[in-house]
Amino acid sequence: MEMTLESAGKALQLRDDVLALFNDERYKNVFEEGYFKAEAMRLPLALVDNEMQDEVEQRILQEKIKAIGHLHVYLNSAIALGNQVQFSLDAEERERVQANKVMAVDEVTGEEYEVEDN
């Protein structure tokens, strides 16, 4: 996958923002405890509630259940993409540094060694 430096920067920023959210106490209270836990437990129970058996209500409940999953996947995907971008950028930097090294061969042992660039 090819990505511009601008896109890579945005992916890294999004990852960092999501990670910062995960560490925020308000996120934990509202989303982890409220939305991802309590609401995720309430919705399947509502699906079998006798008062919620109408076709429209059933469809709405199913869409709400899917929405919880979609948000969870989105947040985790943002972290995974940011991690992949970081790994790629780090690998490119290592390759660039390696390509710029000046190597020489010891005439006695035949071993390669890096020549100090002064």
N, C-alpha and C. Protein backbone atom coordinates (compact mmCIF):
# COMPACT_ATOMS: atom_id res chain seq x y z
N MET A 1 0.84 -1.17 0.00
CA MET A 1 0.00 0.00 0.00
C MET A 1 0.89 1.23 0.00
N GLU A 2 0.63 2.11 -0.92
CA GLU A 2 1.38 3.36 -1.00
C GLU A 2 0.58 4.45 -0.31
N MET A 3 1.29 5.34 0.38
CA MET A 3 0.63 6.39 1.12
C MET A 3 1.52 7.62 1.10
N THR A 4 0.92 8.79 0.92
CA THR A 4 1.69 10.02 0.96
C THR A 4 2.12 10.30 2.39
N LEU A 5 3.12 11.14 2.55
CA LEU A 5 3.56 11.50 3.90
C LEU A 5 2.44 12.21 4.65
N GLU A 6 1.64 12.99 3.92
CA GLU A 6 0.51 13.69 4.55
C GLU A 6 -0.51 12.68 5.08
N SER A 7 -0.84 11.68 4.27
CA SER A 7 -1.78 10.64 4.70
C SER A 7 -1.20 9.84 5.86
N ALA A 8 0.08 9.56 5.79
CA ALA A 8 0.74 8.81 6.88
C ALA A 8 0.66 9.62 8.17
N GLY A 9 0.91 10.90 8.07
CA GLY A 9 0.83 11.77 9.25
C GLY A 9 -0.57 11.79 9.84
N LYS A 10 -1.58 11.82 8.97
CA LYS A 10 -2.96 11.81 9.45
C LYS A 10 -3.29 10.49 10.13
N ALA A 11 -2.82 9.38 9.57
CA ALA A 11 -3.07 8.07 10.16
C ALA A 11 -2.41 7.97 11.54
N LEU A 12 -1.20 8.50 11.64
CA LEU A 12 -0.50 8.49 12.94
C LEU A 12 -1.21 9.37 13.95
N GLN A 13 -1.68 10.54 13.50
CA GLN A 13 -2.39 11.45 14.41
C GLN A 13 -3.70 10.84 14.88
N LEU A 14 -4.42 10.19 13.96
CA LEU A 14 -5.68 9.54 14.34
C LEU A 14 -5.43 8.45 15.36
N ARG A 15 -4.39 7.64 15.12
CA ARG A 15 -4.03 6.58 16.09
C ARG A 15 -3.75 7.18 17.46
N ASP A 16 -2.94 8.23 17.46
CA ASP A 16 -2.57 8.86 18.74
C ASP A 16 -3.80 9.46 19.44
N ASP A 17 -4.71 10.04 18.65
CA ASP A 17 -5.93 10.62 19.22
C ASP A 17 -6.82 9.54 19.81
N VAL A 18 -6.96 8.42 19.11
CA VAL A 18 -7.78 7.32 19.63
C VAL A 18 -7.15 6.76 20.91
N LEU A 19 -5.84 6.60 20.91
CA LEU A 19 -5.17 6.10 22.12
C LEU A 19 -5.35 7.08 23.28
N ALA A 20 -5.29 8.38 23.00
CA ALA A 20 -5.51 9.38 24.05
C ALA A 20 -6.95 9.28 24.57
N LEU A 21 -7.89 9.07 23.65
CA LEU A 21 -9.29 8.88 24.08
C LEU A 21 -9.42 7.69 25.00
N PHE A 22 -8.80 6.58 24.63
CA PHE A 22 -8.88 5.36 25.43
C PHE A 22 -8.37 5.60 26.85
N ASN A 23 -7.45 6.51 27.01
CA ASN A 23 -6.87 6.79 28.32
C ASN A 23 -7.63 7.86 29.10
N ASP A 24 -8.60 8.49 28.46
CA ASP A 24 -9.39 9.55 29.09
C ASP A 24 -10.49 8.92 29.95
N GLU A 25 -10.58 9.36 31.18
CA GLU A 25 -11.57 8.80 32.11
C GLU A 25 -13.00 9.01 31.61
N ARG A 26 -13.27 10.15 30.95
CA ARG A 26 -14.62 10.40 30.43
C ARG A 26 -14.97 9.41 29.32
N TYR A 27 -13.99 9.08 28.47
CA TYR A 27 -14.22 8.07 27.42
C TYR A 27 -14.58 6.73 28.08
N LYS A 28 -13.82 6.38 29.11
CA LYS A 28 -14.06 5.10 29.79
C LYS A 28 -15.47 5.06 30.38
N ASN A 29 -15.90 6.15 30.98
CA ASN A 29 -17.23 6.19 31.58
C ASN A 29 -18.34 6.17 30.54
N VAL A 30 -18.21 7.00 29.52
CA VAL A 30 -19.27 7.14 28.52
C VAL A 30 -19.30 5.96 27.55
N PHE A 31 -18.15 5.61 27.00
CA PHE A 31 -18.13 4.60 25.95
C PHE A 31 -17.88 3.18 26.47
N GLU A 32 -16.80 3.00 27.20
CA GLU A 32 -16.49 1.63 27.64
C GLU A 32 -17.57 1.08 28.56
N GLU A 33 -17.92 1.84 29.58
CA GLU A 33 -18.92 1.37 30.54
C GLU A 33 -20.34 1.56 30.02
N GLY A 34 -20.59 2.70 29.38
CA GLY A 34 -21.94 3.00 28.93
C GLY A 34 -22.31 2.35 27.61
N TYR A 35 -21.64 2.75 26.56
CA TYR A 35 -22.04 2.31 25.22
C TYR A 35 -21.62 0.89 24.90
N PHE A 36 -20.33 0.58 25.07
CA PHE A 36 -19.83 -0.74 24.69
C PHE A 36 -20.24 -1.84 25.66
N LYS A 37 -20.57 -1.47 26.89
CA LYS A 37 -20.94 -2.50 27.87
C LYS A 37 -22.45 -2.50 28.13
N ALA A 38 -22.93 -1.44 28.76
CA ALA A 38 -24.34 -1.41 29.16
C ALA A 38 -25.29 -1.44 27.96
N GLU A 39 -25.04 -0.60 26.99
CA GLU A 39 -25.92 -0.56 25.81
C GLU A 39 -25.80 -1.86 25.01
N ALA A 40 -24.60 -2.38 24.90
CA ALA A 40 -24.40 -3.64 24.17
C ALA A 40 -25.11 -4.80 24.88
N MET A 41 -25.29 -4.72 26.17
CA MET A 41 -26.02 -5.77 26.90
C MET A 41 -27.53 -5.53 26.81
N ARG A 42 -27.95 -4.28 26.80
CA ARG A 42 -29.38 -3.96 26.79
C ARG A 42 -30.03 -4.28 25.46
N LEU A 43 -29.36 -3.99 24.36
CA LEU A 43 -29.98 -4.13 23.04
C LEU A 43 -30.40 -5.57 22.71
N PRO A 44 -29.56 -6.58 22.91
CA PRO A 44 -30.02 -7.94 22.62
C PRO A 44 -31.21 -8.37 23.48
N LEU A 45 -31.25 -7.88 24.71
CA LEU A 45 -32.40 -8.18 25.57
C LEU A 45 -33.66 -7.52 25.02
N ALA A 46 -33.51 -6.32 24.49
CA ALA A 46 -34.65 -5.62 23.91
C ALA A 46 -35.18 -6.35 22.68
N LEU A 47 -34.29 -7.03 21.96
CA LEU A 47 -34.72 -7.79 20.77
C LEU A 47 -35.76 -8.85 21.10
N VAL A 48 -35.68 -9.43 22.28
CA VAL A 48 -36.62 -10.50 22.65
C VAL A 48 -37.75 -10.00 23.55
N ASP A 49 -37.74 -8.70 23.85
CA ASP A 49 -38.81 -8.11 24.65
C ASP A 49 -40.12 -8.15 23.86
N ASN A 50 -41.19 -8.60 24.50
CA ASN A 50 -42.49 -8.71 23.83
C ASN A 50 -42.99 -7.38 23.28
N GLU A 51 -42.61 -6.28 23.91
CA GLU A 51 -43.07 -4.97 23.45
C GLU A 51 -42.25 -4.45 22.28
N MET A 52 -41.18 -5.13 21.93
CA MET A 52 -40.29 -4.67 20.85
C MET A 52 -40.32 -5.62 19.65
N GLN A 53 -41.38 -6.34 19.45
CA GLN A 53 -41.43 -7.35 18.40
C GLN A 53 -41.89 -6.82 17.05
N ASP A 54 -42.33 -5.61 16.99
CA ASP A 54 -42.74 -5.02 15.72
C ASP A 54 -41.54 -4.97 14.77
N GLU A 55 -41.77 -5.19 13.50
CA GLU A 55 -40.70 -5.32 12.50
C GLU A 55 -39.78 -4.10 12.47
N VAL A 56 -40.36 -2.92 12.56
CA VAL A 56 -39.57 -1.69 12.52
C VAL A 56 -38.67 -1.61 13.76
N GLU A 57 -39.23 -1.89 14.93
CA GLU A 57 -38.44 -1.86 16.16
C GLU A 57 -37.31 -2.88 16.11
N GLN A 58 -37.59 -4.06 15.60
CA GLN A 58 -36.58 -5.11 15.48
C GLN A 58 -35.43 -4.65 14.59
N ARG A 59 -35.77 -4.05 13.46
CA ARG A 59 -34.74 -3.57 12.53
C ARG A 59 -33.91 -2.46 13.17
N ILE A 60 -34.55 -1.55 13.88
CA ILE A 60 -33.82 -0.47 14.55
C ILE A 60 -32.87 -1.04 15.59
N LEU A 61 -33.33 -1.98 16.38
CA LEU A 61 -32.47 -2.60 17.39
C LEU A 61 -31.28 -3.31 16.76
N GLN A 62 -31.52 -4.03 15.67
CA GLN A 62 -30.43 -4.73 14.98
C GLN A 62 -29.41 -3.74 14.42
N GLU A 63 -29.88 -2.61 13.90
CA GLU A 63 -28.96 -1.60 13.39
C GLU A 63 -28.15 -0.97 14.52
N LYS A 64 -28.76 -0.77 15.65
CA LYS A 64 -28.04 -0.22 16.80
C LYS A 64 -26.96 -1.20 17.28
N ILE A 65 -27.27 -2.47 17.28
CA ILE A 65 -26.28 -3.49 17.66
C ILE A 65 -25.11 -3.47 16.68
N LYS A 66 -25.42 -3.38 15.38
CA LYS A 66 -24.35 -3.30 14.37
C LYS A 66 -23.52 -2.05 14.55
N ALA A 67 -24.17 -0.94 14.90
CA ALA A 67 -23.45 0.33 15.07
C ALA A 67 -22.40 0.23 16.17
N ILE A 68 -22.73 -0.47 17.24
CA ILE A 68 -21.75 -0.65 18.32
C ILE A 68 -20.52 -1.37 17.78
N GLY A 69 -20.74 -2.42 17.03
CA GLY A 69 -19.63 -3.17 16.43
C GLY A 69 -18.84 -2.34 15.45
N HIS A 70 -19.54 -1.55 14.62
CA HIS A 70 -18.85 -0.72 13.63
C HIS A 70 -17.94 0.31 14.30
N LEU A 71 -18.44 0.95 15.35
CA LEU A 71 -17.61 1.94 16.05
C LEU A 71 -16.39 1.27 16.68
N HIS A 72 -16.60 0.14 17.29
CA HIS A 72 -15.49 -0.59 17.92
C HIS A 72 -14.44 -0.96 16.88
N VAL A 73 -14.88 -1.48 15.74
CA VAL A 73 -13.97 -1.86 14.66
C VAL A 73 -13.24 -0.63 14.12
N TYR A 74 -13.95 0.48 13.94
CA TYR A 74 -13.33 1.71 13.42
C TYR A 74 -12.19 2.17 14.33
N LEU A 75 -12.46 2.23 15.62
CA LEU A 75 -11.44 2.70 16.56
C LEU A 75 -10.22 1.79 16.56
N ASN A 76 -10.45 0.49 16.58
CA ASN A 76 -9.33 -0.45 16.57
C ASN A 76 -8.60 -0.46 15.22
N SER A 77 -9.32 -0.24 14.14
CA SER A 77 -8.68 -0.16 12.82
C SER A 77 -7.80 1.08 12.71
N ALA A 78 -8.23 2.17 13.32
CA ALA A 78 -7.41 3.40 13.31
C ALA A 78 -6.09 3.16 14.02
N ILE A 79 -6.14 2.42 15.11
CA ILE A 79 -4.90 2.10 15.84
C ILE A 79 -4.03 1.16 15.01
N ALA A 80 -4.63 0.15 14.42
CA ALA A 80 -3.86 -0.83 13.62
C ALA A 80 -3.21 -0.15 12.42
N LEU A 81 -3.96 0.71 11.71
CA LEU A 81 -3.38 1.40 10.56
C LEU A 81 -2.23 2.30 10.99
N GLY A 82 -2.42 3.04 12.07
CA GLY A 82 -1.35 3.90 12.58
C GLY A 82 -0.11 3.10 12.95
N ASN A 83 -0.31 1.94 13.55
CA ASN A 83 0.83 1.08 13.90
C ASN A 83 1.54 0.57 12.65
N GLN A 84 0.77 0.21 11.62
CA GLN A 84 1.38 -0.26 10.36
C GLN A 84 2.17 0.86 9.70
N VAL A 85 1.61 2.06 9.70
CA VAL A 85 2.30 3.21 9.11
C VAL A 85 3.60 3.47 9.87
N GLN A 86 3.54 3.45 11.20
CA GLN A 86 4.73 3.69 12.01
C GLN A 86 5.80 2.63 11.73
N PHE A 87 5.39 1.37 11.63
CA PHE A 87 6.32 0.29 11.33
C PHE A 87 6.98 0.52 9.97
N SER A 88 6.18 0.90 8.97
CA SER A 88 6.72 1.15 7.62
C SER A 88 7.68 2.32 7.60
N LEU A 89 7.31 3.39 8.28
CA LEU A 89 8.20 4.57 8.32
C LEU A 89 9.51 4.23 9.03
N ASP A 90 9.42 3.47 10.11
CA ASP A 90 10.63 3.06 10.82
C ASP A 90 11.52 2.17 9.94
N ALA A 91 10.89 1.26 9.19
CA ALA A 91 11.65 0.37 8.30
C ALA A 91 12.32 1.17 7.19
N GLU A 92 11.59 2.14 6.62
CA GLU A 92 12.18 2.98 5.57
C GLU A 92 13.35 3.78 6.11
N GLU A 93 13.24 4.27 7.32
CA GLU A 93 14.34 5.03 7.92
C GLU A 93 15.55 4.14 8.14
N ARG A 94 15.33 2.91 8.62
CA ARG A 94 16.45 1.98 8.81
C ARG A 94 17.12 1.67 7.47
N GLU A 95 16.30 1.47 6.42
CA GLU A 95 16.86 1.20 5.09
C GLU A 95 17.65 2.39 4.56
N ARG A 96 17.13 3.61 4.80
CA ARG A 96 17.83 4.82 4.35
C ARG A 96 19.17 4.95 5.06
N VAL A 97 19.18 4.71 6.36
CA VAL A 97 20.42 4.80 7.13
C VAL A 97 21.40 3.73 6.65
N GLN A 98 20.89 2.52 6.44
CA GLN A 98 21.74 1.42 5.98
C GLN A 98 22.32 1.72 4.59
N ALA A 99 21.51 2.31 3.72
CA ALA A 99 21.96 2.61 2.35
C ALA A 99 23.04 3.70 2.35
N ASN A 100 23.02 4.57 3.35
CA ASN A 100 23.99 5.66 3.41
C ASN A 100 25.28 5.28 4.11
N LYS A 101 25.34 4.09 4.67
CA LYS A 101 26.56 3.65 5.32
C LYS A 101 27.64 3.37 4.27
N VAL A 102 28.84 3.75 4.61
CA VAL A 102 29.98 3.47 3.74
C VAL A 102 30.69 2.25 4.33
N MET A 103 30.79 1.23 3.51
CA MET A 103 31.40 -0.01 3.98
C MET A 103 32.77 -0.18 3.31
N ALA A 104 33.65 -0.85 4.02
CA ALA A 104 34.98 -1.17 3.49
C ALA A 104 35.28 -2.62 3.87
N VAL A 105 36.28 -3.18 3.22
CA VAL A 105 36.67 -4.56 3.50
C VAL A 105 38.07 -4.55 4.09
N ASP A 106 38.21 -5.24 5.22
CA ASP A 106 39.52 -5.38 5.85
C ASP A 106 40.35 -6.29 4.93
N GLU A 107 41.49 -5.78 4.49
CA GLU A 107 42.31 -6.52 3.53
C GLU A 107 42.92 -7.79 4.13
N VAL A 108 43.08 -7.82 5.43
CA VAL A 108 43.68 -8.98 6.07
C VAL A 108 42.64 -10.06 6.34
N THR A 109 41.52 -9.66 6.95
CA THR A 109 40.51 -10.65 7.35
C THR A 109 39.43 -10.86 6.30
N GLY A 110 39.25 -9.88 5.43
CA GLY A 110 38.20 -9.96 4.42
C GLY A 110 36.82 -9.59 4.96
N GLU A 111 36.77 -9.14 6.21
CA GLU A 111 35.49 -8.78 6.80
C GLU A 111 35.11 -7.34 6.46
N GLU A 112 33.78 -7.15 6.29
CA GLU A 112 33.28 -5.80 6.03
C GLU A 112 33.16 -5.04 7.34
N TYR A 113 33.40 -3.73 7.26
CA TYR A 113 33.19 -2.87 8.42
C TYR A 113 32.73 -1.51 7.92
N GLU A 114 32.06 -0.80 8.83
CA GLU A 114 31.52 0.51 8.49
C GLU A 114 32.62 1.55 8.64
N VAL A 115 32.72 2.41 7.65
CA VAL A 115 33.71 3.47 7.68
C VAL A 115 33.06 4.69 8.35
N GLU A 116 33.72 5.24 9.33
CA GLU A 116 33.20 6.43 10.02
C GLU A 116 33.17 7.59 9.04
N ASP A 117 32.02 8.28 9.01
CA ASP A 117 31.86 9.43 8.12
C ASP A 117 32.18 10.70 8.89
N ASN A 118 33.33 11.29 8.61
CA ASN A 118 33.74 12.52 9.33
C ASN A 118 33.70 13.70 8.48
